[in-house]
């Protein structure tokens, strides 16, 4: 298989999650595929799970054919700042993901669904009934 060949990746998520992703993709003027690919790449960088040396298989600027939402967002950031480094561009295309993550964790904690454990250094699900 050639490195540039596109392949499908399939996953299963709750329908509410899929709807939330669709709404966010629409707000960002992205296709669903472009949105998921961009968020996965942003997460990989944010959490340092993988190196940031993206090759052909990890390039978030690689557009979905016929869709240019990400490129437009990059251009918008560059129009605002004229010169932008990688971190500024990444922040510009991922918006306020850290704020949204914090808000989601706050809501889940308030609802008694997750808790933070200092001893274990992270969050855990405490109510998995939903």
Protein backbone atom coordinates (compact mmCIF):
# COMPACT_ATOMS: atom_id res chain seq x y z
CA UNK A 1 0.00 0.00 0.00
CA UNK A 2 1.39 3.41 -0.96
CA UNK A 3 2.02 5.86 1.88
CA UNK A 4 -0.33 8.42 0.36
CA UNK A 5 -3.18 5.95 -0.13
CA UNK A 6 -6.23 6.87 1.91
CA UNK A 7 -7.92 4.22 4.02
CA UNK A 8 -11.08 4.25 6.08
CA UNK A 9 -10.99 4.05 9.87
CA UNK A 10 -14.15 3.08 11.70
CA UNK A 11 -15.06 3.49 15.35
CA UNK A 12 -18.17 3.36 17.48
CA UNK A 13 -19.23 6.18 19.78
CA UNK A 14 -22.51 7.01 21.53
CA UNK A 15 -24.99 8.79 19.25
CA UNK A 16 -24.87 11.87 21.50
CA UNK A 17 -21.11 12.06 20.99
CA UNK A 18 -21.49 11.75 17.22
CA UNK A 19 -24.08 14.53 17.21
CA UNK A 20 -21.82 16.78 19.30
CA UNK A 21 -18.96 16.16 16.84
CA UNK A 22 -21.23 16.95 13.90
CA UNK A 23 -22.31 20.23 15.49
CA UNK A 24 -18.72 21.23 16.28
CA UNK A 25 -17.59 20.28 12.77
CA UNK A 26 -20.37 22.45 11.32
CA UNK A 27 -19.34 25.36 13.55
CA UNK A 28 -15.77 25.00 12.27
CA UNK A 29 -16.94 24.60 8.66
CA UNK A 30 -15.31 21.16 8.48
CA UNK A 31 -16.46 17.79 7.26
CA UNK A 32 -16.98 15.15 9.94
CA UNK A 33 -13.91 13.25 8.74
CA UNK A 34 -11.76 16.37 8.75
CA UNK A 35 -12.97 17.30 12.24
CA UNK A 36 -12.22 13.87 13.74
CA UNK A 37 -8.82 13.67 12.01
CA UNK A 38 -7.89 17.17 13.24
CA UNK A 39 -9.00 16.49 16.82
CA UNK A 40 -7.12 13.20 16.95
CA UNK A 41 -3.96 14.90 15.70
CA UNK A 42 -4.40 17.77 18.17
CA UNK A 43 -4.85 15.25 20.97
CA UNK A 44 -1.76 13.34 19.96
CA UNK A 45 0.29 16.51 20.14
CA UNK A 46 -1.35 17.80 23.29
CA UNK A 47 -0.78 14.62 25.26
CA UNK A 48 2.65 13.78 23.79
CA UNK A 49 1.56 10.21 23.08
CA UNK A 50 3.45 10.23 19.81
CA UNK A 51 6.14 12.32 18.20
CA UNK A 52 5.06 15.47 16.39
CA UNK A 53 7.07 14.62 13.26
CA UNK A 54 4.04 14.00 11.12
CA UNK A 55 4.63 12.07 7.98
CA UNK A 56 2.12 11.50 5.20
CA UNK A 57 -0.07 9.42 7.52
CA UNK A 58 -0.29 12.07 10.24
CA UNK A 59 -0.46 15.36 8.39
CA UNK A 60 -3.50 17.28 9.66
CA UNK A 61 -3.22 19.74 6.79
CA UNK A 62 -3.94 16.94 4.35
CA UNK A 63 -7.42 17.92 3.18
CA UNK A 64 -10.38 15.71 2.69
CA UNK A 65 -10.97 15.91 -1.05
CA UNK A 66 -13.24 18.86 -1.83
CA UNK A 67 -13.06 20.28 1.70
CA UNK A 68 -10.86 23.18 2.72
CA UNK A 69 -12.10 24.10 6.21
CA UNK A 70 -8.76 23.58 7.93
CA UNK A 71 -6.85 25.51 5.30
CA UNK A 72 -9.30 28.40 5.67
CA UNK A 73 -8.81 28.42 9.44
CA UNK A 74 -5.03 28.52 8.97
CA UNK A 75 -5.41 31.45 6.60
CA UNK A 76 -7.68 33.24 9.09
CA UNK A 77 -5.04 32.91 11.83
CA UNK A 78 -2.33 34.18 9.49
CA UNK A 79 -4.50 37.11 8.45
CA UNK A 80 -4.95 38.03 12.11
CA UNK A 81 -1.30 37.71 13.13
CA UNK A 82 0.58 37.97 9.81
CA UNK A 83 3.30 35.68 11.21
CA UNK A 84 2.38 32.72 13.38
CA UNK A 85 4.50 29.91 14.76
CA UNK A 86 3.34 26.30 14.97
CA UNK A 87 1.89 26.68 18.47
CA UNK A 88 -0.18 29.73 17.49
CA UNK A 89 -1.48 27.97 14.38
CA UNK A 90 -2.36 24.86 16.37
CA UNK A 91 -4.15 26.97 18.97
CA UNK A 92 -5.99 28.81 16.21
CA UNK A 93 -7.36 25.66 14.59
CA UNK A 94 -8.19 23.77 17.79
CA UNK A 95 -9.88 26.76 19.42
CA UNK A 96 -10.49 26.42 23.10
CA UNK A 97 -10.17 22.64 23.43
CA UNK A 98 -8.43 22.93 26.82
CA UNK A 99 -11.18 25.16 28.20
CA UNK A 100 -13.85 22.82 26.83
CA UNK A 101 -12.09 19.78 28.31
CA UNK A 102 -11.87 21.48 31.70
CA UNK A 103 -15.55 22.45 31.55
CA UNK A 104 -16.52 18.89 30.60
CA UNK A 105 -14.50 17.46 33.48
CA UNK A 106 -16.04 19.98 35.89
CA UNK A 107 -19.53 18.98 34.74
CA UNK A 108 -18.76 15.27 35.01
CA UNK A 109 -17.34 15.72 38.50
CA UNK A 110 -20.33 17.80 39.62
CA UNK A 111 -22.65 15.08 38.30
CA UNK A 112 -20.70 12.42 40.20
CA UNK A 113 -19.65 10.63 37.01
CA UNK A 114 -15.86 11.06 37.34
CA UNK A 115 -13.39 11.98 40.04
CA UNK A 116 -9.78 13.07 40.19
CA UNK A 117 -7.34 10.95 42.16
CA UNK A 118 -4.15 12.69 43.21
CA UNK A 119 -2.75 9.36 44.33
CA UNK A 120 -3.19 7.92 40.84
CA UNK A 121 -2.50 11.18 39.04
CA UNK A 122 -5.61 11.29 36.90
CA UNK A 123 -9.35 11.08 36.43
CA UNK A 124 -11.46 7.94 36.62
CA UNK A 125 -15.07 7.00 35.90
CA UNK A 126 -17.07 6.38 39.07
CA UNK A 127 -20.55 6.11 37.52
CA UNK A 128 -20.77 4.12 34.33
CA UNK A 129 -24.54 3.64 34.26
CA UNK A 130 -25.14 5.87 31.21
